[in-house]
Amino acid sequence: LVAGAAAMTMALLKEAYGVYPTPAEVERLILESAQKSSTLMSVFKDGNRLDLERLIQRINQVYPNTKTQGAVVASQTCTP
């Protein structure tokens, strides 16, 4: 799942914002958007839980609209 989130992050930044993120930048965005859960502390680093919607929101915060006419919206990228 995290590898998919990393690929999604890279694709969003490349397509919507025209930038190529470094692996460290992708990791930082994923960690900053993760939900903290005390019950997961013993299982995952810092009890982090992947949250794709918050990840997209964080990308929109960090990378203002530079290439396209609007922010990336979760419903546009994460369809069921």
C-alpha atoms as a PDB file:
ATOM      1  CA  LEU A   1       0.000   0.000   0.000  1.00  0.00           C
ATOM      2  CA  VAL A   2       2.785   2.415   0.849  1.00  0.00           C
ATOM      3  CA  ALA A   3       4.522   1.700  -2.456  1.00  0.00           C
ATOM      4  CA  GLY A   4       1.260   2.537  -4.226  1.00  0.00           C
ATOM      5  CA  ALA A   5       0.962   5.762  -2.224  1.00  0.00           C
ATOM      6  CA  ALA A   6       4.532   6.656  -3.207  1.00  0.00           C
ATOM      7  CA  ALA A   7       3.772   5.999  -6.878  1.00  0.00           C
ATOM      8  CA  MET A   8       0.583   8.058  -6.634  1.00  0.00           C
ATOM      9  CA  THR A   9       2.515  10.918  -5.025  1.00  0.00           C
ATOM     10  CA  MET A  10       5.147  10.877  -7.738  1.00  0.00           C
ATOM     11  CA  ALA A  11       2.535  10.744 -10.502  1.00  0.00           C
ATOM     12  CA  LEU A  12       0.464  13.583  -9.011  1.00  0.00           C
ATOM     13  CA  LEU A  13       3.468  15.833  -8.626  1.00  0.00           C
ATOM     14  CA  LYS A  14       4.724  15.056 -12.121  1.00  0.00           C
ATOM     15  CA  GLU A  15       1.373  15.362 -13.911  1.00  0.00           C
ATOM     16  CA  ALA A  16      -0.350  18.148 -11.994  1.00  0.00           C
ATOM     17  CA  TYR A  17       2.601  20.220 -10.828  1.00  0.00           C
ATOM     18  CA  GLY A  18       5.388  19.439 -13.290  1.00  0.00           C
ATOM     19  CA  VAL A  19       7.951  18.518 -10.647  1.00  0.00           C
ATOM     20  CA  TYR A  20       9.909  15.341 -10.009  1.00  0.00           C
ATOM     21  CA  PRO A  21      10.041  14.639  -6.264  1.00  0.00           C
ATOM     22  CA  THR A  22      13.042  13.013  -4.640  1.00  0.00           C
ATOM     23  CA  PRO A  23      12.525   9.788  -2.688  1.00  0.00           C
ATOM     24  CA  ALA A  24      13.089  11.787   0.520  1.00  0.00           C
ATOM     25  CA  GLU A  25      10.366  14.260  -0.497  1.00  0.00           C
ATOM     26  CA  VAL A  26       7.901  11.435  -1.210  1.00  0.00           C
ATOM     27  CA  GLU A  27       8.664   9.856   2.170  1.00  0.00           C
ATOM     28  CA  ARG A  28       8.289  13.217   3.929  1.00  0.00           C
ATOM     29  CA  LEU A  29       4.886  13.861   2.342  1.00  0.00           C
ATOM     30  CA  ILE A  30       3.632  10.390   3.252  1.00  0.00           C
ATOM     31  CA  LEU A  31       4.839  10.660   6.848  1.00  0.00           C
ATOM     32  CA  GLU A  32       3.465  14.190   7.304  1.00  0.00           C
ATOM     33  CA  SER A  33       0.025  13.096   6.132  1.00  0.00           C
ATOM     34  CA  ALA A  34      -0.102   9.858   8.125  1.00  0.00           C
ATOM     35  CA  GLN A  35      -2.673   9.450  10.879  1.00  0.00           C
ATOM     36  CA  LYS A  36      -1.167   8.725  14.298  1.00  0.00           C
ATOM     37  CA  SER A  37      -2.658   5.806  16.185  1.00  0.00           C
ATOM     38  CA  SER A  38      -1.487   4.830  19.663  1.00  0.00           C
ATOM     39  CA  THR A  39      -2.766   1.280  19.167  1.00  0.00           C
ATOM     40  CA  LEU A  40      -0.406   0.841  16.196  1.00  0.00           C
ATOM     41  CA  MET A  41       2.718   2.110  18.017  1.00  0.00           C
ATOM     42  CA  SER A  42       4.071  -1.401  18.559  1.00  0.00           C
ATOM     43  CA  VAL A  43       3.440  -2.429  14.943  1.00  0.00           C
ATOM     44  CA  PHE A  44       4.253   0.579  12.730  1.00  0.00           C
ATOM     45  CA  LYS A  45       6.793   3.386  12.922  1.00  0.00           C
ATOM     46  CA  ASP A  46       5.413   6.025  15.306  1.00  0.00           C
ATOM     47  CA  GLY A  47       1.990   4.355  15.002  1.00  0.00           C
ATOM     48  CA  ASN A  48       1.505   5.870  11.576  1.00  0.00           C
ATOM     49  CA  ARG A  49      -1.454   4.825   9.438  1.00  0.00           C
ATOM     50  CA  LEU A  50      -1.544   5.640   5.728  1.00  0.00           C
ATOM     51  CA  ASP A  51      -4.250   8.153   4.768  1.00  0.00           C
ATOM     52  CA  LEU A  52      -4.453   8.811   1.016  1.00  0.00           C
ATOM     53  CA  GLU A  53      -6.943  11.652   1.279  1.00  0.00           C
ATOM     54  CA  ARG A  54      -4.723  13.525   3.745  1.00  0.00           C
ATOM     55  CA  LEU A  55      -1.739  12.776   1.494  1.00  0.00           C
ATOM     56  CA  ILE A  56      -3.442  14.511  -1.439  1.00  0.00           C
ATOM     57  CA  GLN A  57      -4.382  17.427   0.809  1.00  0.00           C
ATOM     58  CA  ARG A  58      -0.759  17.711   1.969  1.00  0.00           C
ATOM     59  CA  ILE A  59       0.500  17.674  -1.627  1.00  0.00           C
ATOM     60  CA  ASN A  60      -1.906  20.505  -2.443  1.00  0.00           C
ATOM     61  CA  GLN A  61      -0.626  22.477   0.562  1.00  0.00           C
ATOM     62  CA  VAL A  62       3.052  22.007  -0.218  1.00  0.00           C
ATOM     63  CA  TYR A  63       2.779  22.458  -3.982  1.00  0.00           C
ATOM     64  CA  PRO A  64       0.530  25.371  -4.894  1.00  0.00           C
ATOM     65  CA  ASN A  65      -1.162  25.237  -8.279  1.00  0.00           C
ATOM     66  CA  THR A  66       1.636  25.934 -10.713  1.00  0.00           C
ATOM     67  CA  LYS A  67       0.941  23.883 -13.831  1.00  0.00           C
ATOM     68  CA  THR A  68      -2.808  23.210 -13.836  1.00  0.00           C
ATOM     69  CA  GLN A  69      -5.852  25.348 -13.191  1.00  0.00           C
ATOM     70  CA  GLY A  70      -6.854  23.630  -9.987  1.00  0.00           C
ATOM     71  CA  ALA A  71      -5.721  21.533  -7.114  1.00  0.00           C
ATOM     72  CA  VAL A  72      -5.714  17.763  -7.335  1.00  0.00           C
ATOM     73  CA  VAL A  73      -8.926  16.478  -5.780  1.00  0.00           C
ATOM     74  CA  ALA A  74      -9.138  13.117  -4.072  1.00  0.00           C
ATOM     75  CA  SER A  75     -12.247  12.100  -6.017  1.00  0.00           C
ATOM     76  CA  GLN A  76     -10.398  12.720  -9.283  1.00  0.00           C
ATOM     77  CA  THR A  77      -7.540  10.430  -8.410  1.00  0.00           C
ATOM     78  CA  CYS A  78      -8.918   7.817  -6.025  1.00  0.00           C
ATOM     79  CA  THR A  79     -11.953   6.348  -7.703  1.00  0.00           C
ATOM     80  CA  PRO A  80     -13.416   3.097  -6.355  1.00  0.00           C
END
